[in-house]
Amino acid sequence: MRVTATGPGDEACLAQVDDYHFHWQQFAFYEQPQPVRAGTTLRVDCTYDTTSRDTTTTWGYGTDDEMCIGFFYVTEGLVGAGK
């Protein structure tokens, strides 16, 4: 799973998990807020390795299902306003 923020002339990786495990059902928070300007595109990409399966993999909430969801808390702030 990889989360990127893309704006005019800029792309930043906001999160990357190379080897996800199902029991990691939790939120993660940054130590410092990550600034994202208006007009920035947030993208979540996931790759699934289902080569060892002999049945069709579908979306769902089970451990054998594909799922990829990214949640973001967004707050509005004023840049350079002295606050």
C-alpha atoms as a PDB file:
ATOM      1  CA  MET A   1       0.000   0.000   0.000  1.00  0.00           C
ATOM      2  CA  ARG A   2       1.288   3.437  -0.887  1.00  0.00           C
ATOM      3  CA  VAL A   3      -0.324   6.855  -0.375  1.00  0.00           C
ATOM      4  CA  THR A   4       0.934   9.789  -2.417  1.00  0.00           C
ATOM      5  CA  ALA A   5       0.070  13.479  -2.576  1.00  0.00           C
ATOM      6  CA  THR A   6       0.505  15.075  -5.994  1.00  0.00           C
ATOM      7  CA  GLY A   7       0.337  18.808  -6.614  1.00  0.00           C
ATOM      8  CA  PRO A   8       1.705  21.163  -9.259  1.00  0.00           C
ATOM      9  CA  GLY A   9       5.311  20.028  -9.830  1.00  0.00           C
ATOM     10  CA  ASP A  10       5.446  18.002  -6.606  1.00  0.00           C
ATOM     11  CA  GLU A  11       4.772  14.452  -5.440  1.00  0.00           C
ATOM     12  CA  ALA A  12       5.275  13.176  -1.883  1.00  0.00           C
ATOM     13  CA  CYS A  13       4.859   9.757  -0.335  1.00  0.00           C
ATOM     14  CA  LEU A  14       2.615  10.139   2.732  1.00  0.00           C
ATOM     15  CA  ALA A  15       2.590   6.464   3.731  1.00  0.00           C
ATOM     16  CA  GLN A  16       3.983   3.157   2.534  1.00  0.00           C
ATOM     17  CA  VAL A  17       3.458  -0.349   3.886  1.00  0.00           C
ATOM     18  CA  ASP A  18       5.402  -3.020   2.014  1.00  0.00           C
ATOM     19  CA  ASP A  19       4.216  -6.147   3.858  1.00  0.00           C
ATOM     20  CA  TYR A  20       0.780  -5.597   5.422  1.00  0.00           C
ATOM     21  CA  HIS A  21      -0.673  -8.083   7.908  1.00  0.00           C
ATOM     22  CA  PHE A  22      -4.403  -8.424   8.497  1.00  0.00           C
ATOM     23  CA  HIS A  23      -4.157  -7.912  12.283  1.00  0.00           C
ATOM     24  CA  TRP A  24      -2.888  -4.333  11.737  1.00  0.00           C
ATOM     25  CA  GLN A  25      -6.426  -2.908  11.838  1.00  0.00           C
ATOM     26  CA  GLN A  26      -5.521   0.430  13.392  1.00  0.00           C
ATOM     27  CA  PHE A  27      -5.005   4.101  12.648  1.00  0.00           C
ATOM     28  CA  ALA A  28      -1.555   5.643  12.360  1.00  0.00           C
ATOM     29  CA  PHE A  29      -0.886   9.310  13.098  1.00  0.00           C
ATOM     30  CA  TYR A  30       1.979  11.557  12.068  1.00  0.00           C
ATOM     31  CA  GLU A  31       4.149  13.099  14.769  1.00  0.00           C
ATOM     32  CA  GLN A  32       3.974  16.353  12.787  1.00  0.00           C
ATOM     33  CA  PRO A  33       1.043  17.317  10.518  1.00  0.00           C
ATOM     34  CA  GLN A  34       1.699  16.882   6.793  1.00  0.00           C
ATOM     35  CA  PRO A  35       0.765  20.026   4.829  1.00  0.00           C
ATOM     36  CA  VAL A  36      -1.427  19.409   1.791  1.00  0.00           C
ATOM     37  CA  ARG A  37      -2.393  22.394  -0.329  1.00  0.00           C
ATOM     38  CA  ALA A  38      -5.722  22.957  -2.058  1.00  0.00           C
ATOM     39  CA  GLY A  39      -5.792  21.186  -5.414  1.00  0.00           C
ATOM     40  CA  THR A  40      -3.510  18.364  -4.289  1.00  0.00           C
ATOM     41  CA  THR A  41      -4.563  14.854  -5.352  1.00  0.00           C
ATOM     42  CA  LEU A  42      -4.335  12.094  -2.731  1.00  0.00           C
ATOM     43  CA  ARG A  43      -3.923   8.615  -4.198  1.00  0.00           C
ATOM     44  CA  VAL A  44      -4.011   5.200  -2.517  1.00  0.00           C
ATOM     45  CA  ASP A  45      -2.453   2.307  -4.480  1.00  0.00           C
ATOM     46  CA  CYS A  46      -2.554  -1.303  -3.346  1.00  0.00           C
ATOM     47  CA  THR A  47      -1.049  -4.443  -4.806  1.00  0.00           C
ATOM     48  CA  TYR A  48      -2.374  -7.897  -3.990  1.00  0.00           C
ATOM     49  CA  ASP A  49      -0.440 -11.135  -4.428  1.00  0.00           C
ATOM     50  CA  THR A  50      -3.054 -13.808  -4.985  1.00  0.00           C
ATOM     51  CA  THR A  51      -0.862 -16.087  -7.097  1.00  0.00           C
ATOM     52  CA  SER A  52      -1.056 -18.872  -4.507  1.00  0.00           C
ATOM     53  CA  ARG A  53      -4.874 -19.004  -4.680  1.00  0.00           C
ATOM     54  CA  ASP A  54      -6.935 -21.221  -6.926  1.00  0.00           C
ATOM     55  CA  THR A  55     -10.228 -19.380  -6.377  1.00  0.00           C
ATOM     56  CA  THR A  56     -11.419 -15.945  -7.445  1.00  0.00           C
ATOM     57  CA  THR A  57     -10.541 -13.155  -5.026  1.00  0.00           C
ATOM     58  CA  THR A  58     -13.259 -10.559  -4.471  1.00  0.00           C
ATOM     59  CA  TRP A  59     -13.593  -7.385  -2.393  1.00  0.00           C
ATOM     60  CA  GLY A  60     -14.810  -7.836   1.170  1.00  0.00           C
ATOM     61  CA  TYR A  61     -13.965  -7.673   4.864  1.00  0.00           C
ATOM     62  CA  GLY A  62     -12.637 -11.219   5.332  1.00  0.00           C
ATOM     63  CA  THR A  63      -8.993 -12.241   5.569  1.00  0.00           C
ATOM     64  CA  ASP A  64      -9.205 -13.876   2.122  1.00  0.00           C
ATOM     65  CA  ASP A  65     -10.798 -10.819   0.482  1.00  0.00           C
ATOM     66  CA  GLU A  66      -9.160  -7.827  -1.151  1.00  0.00           C
ATOM     67  CA  MET A  67      -9.562  -4.563   0.704  1.00  0.00           C
ATOM     68  CA  CYS A  68      -7.764  -1.274   0.433  1.00  0.00           C
ATOM     69  CA  ILE A  69      -9.069   1.783   2.223  1.00  0.00           C
ATOM     70  CA  GLY A  70      -7.261   4.939   3.270  1.00  0.00           C
ATOM     71  CA  PHE A  71      -8.750   7.383   5.778  1.00  0.00           C
ATOM     72  CA  PHE A  72      -7.433  10.917   6.269  1.00  0.00           C
ATOM     73  CA  TYR A  73      -8.138  13.557   8.869  1.00  0.00           C
ATOM     74  CA  VAL A  74      -8.007  16.959   7.196  1.00  0.00           C
ATOM     75  CA  THR A  75      -7.995  20.315   8.964  1.00  0.00           C
ATOM     76  CA  GLU A  76      -8.046  23.734   7.410  1.00  0.00           C
ATOM     77  CA  GLY A  77      -5.283  26.139   8.340  1.00  0.00           C
ATOM     78  CA  LEU A  78      -3.993  29.496   7.211  1.00  0.00           C
ATOM     79  CA  VAL A  79      -0.454  29.587   5.887  1.00  0.00           C
ATOM     80  CA  GLY A  80       1.540  32.651   6.939  1.00  0.00           C
ATOM     81  CA  ALA A  81      -1.252  34.047   9.123  1.00  0.00           C
ATOM     82  CA  GLY A  82       0.875  33.982  12.280  1.00  0.00           C
ATOM     83  CA  LYS A  83      -1.332  31.378  13.947  1.00  0.00           C
END
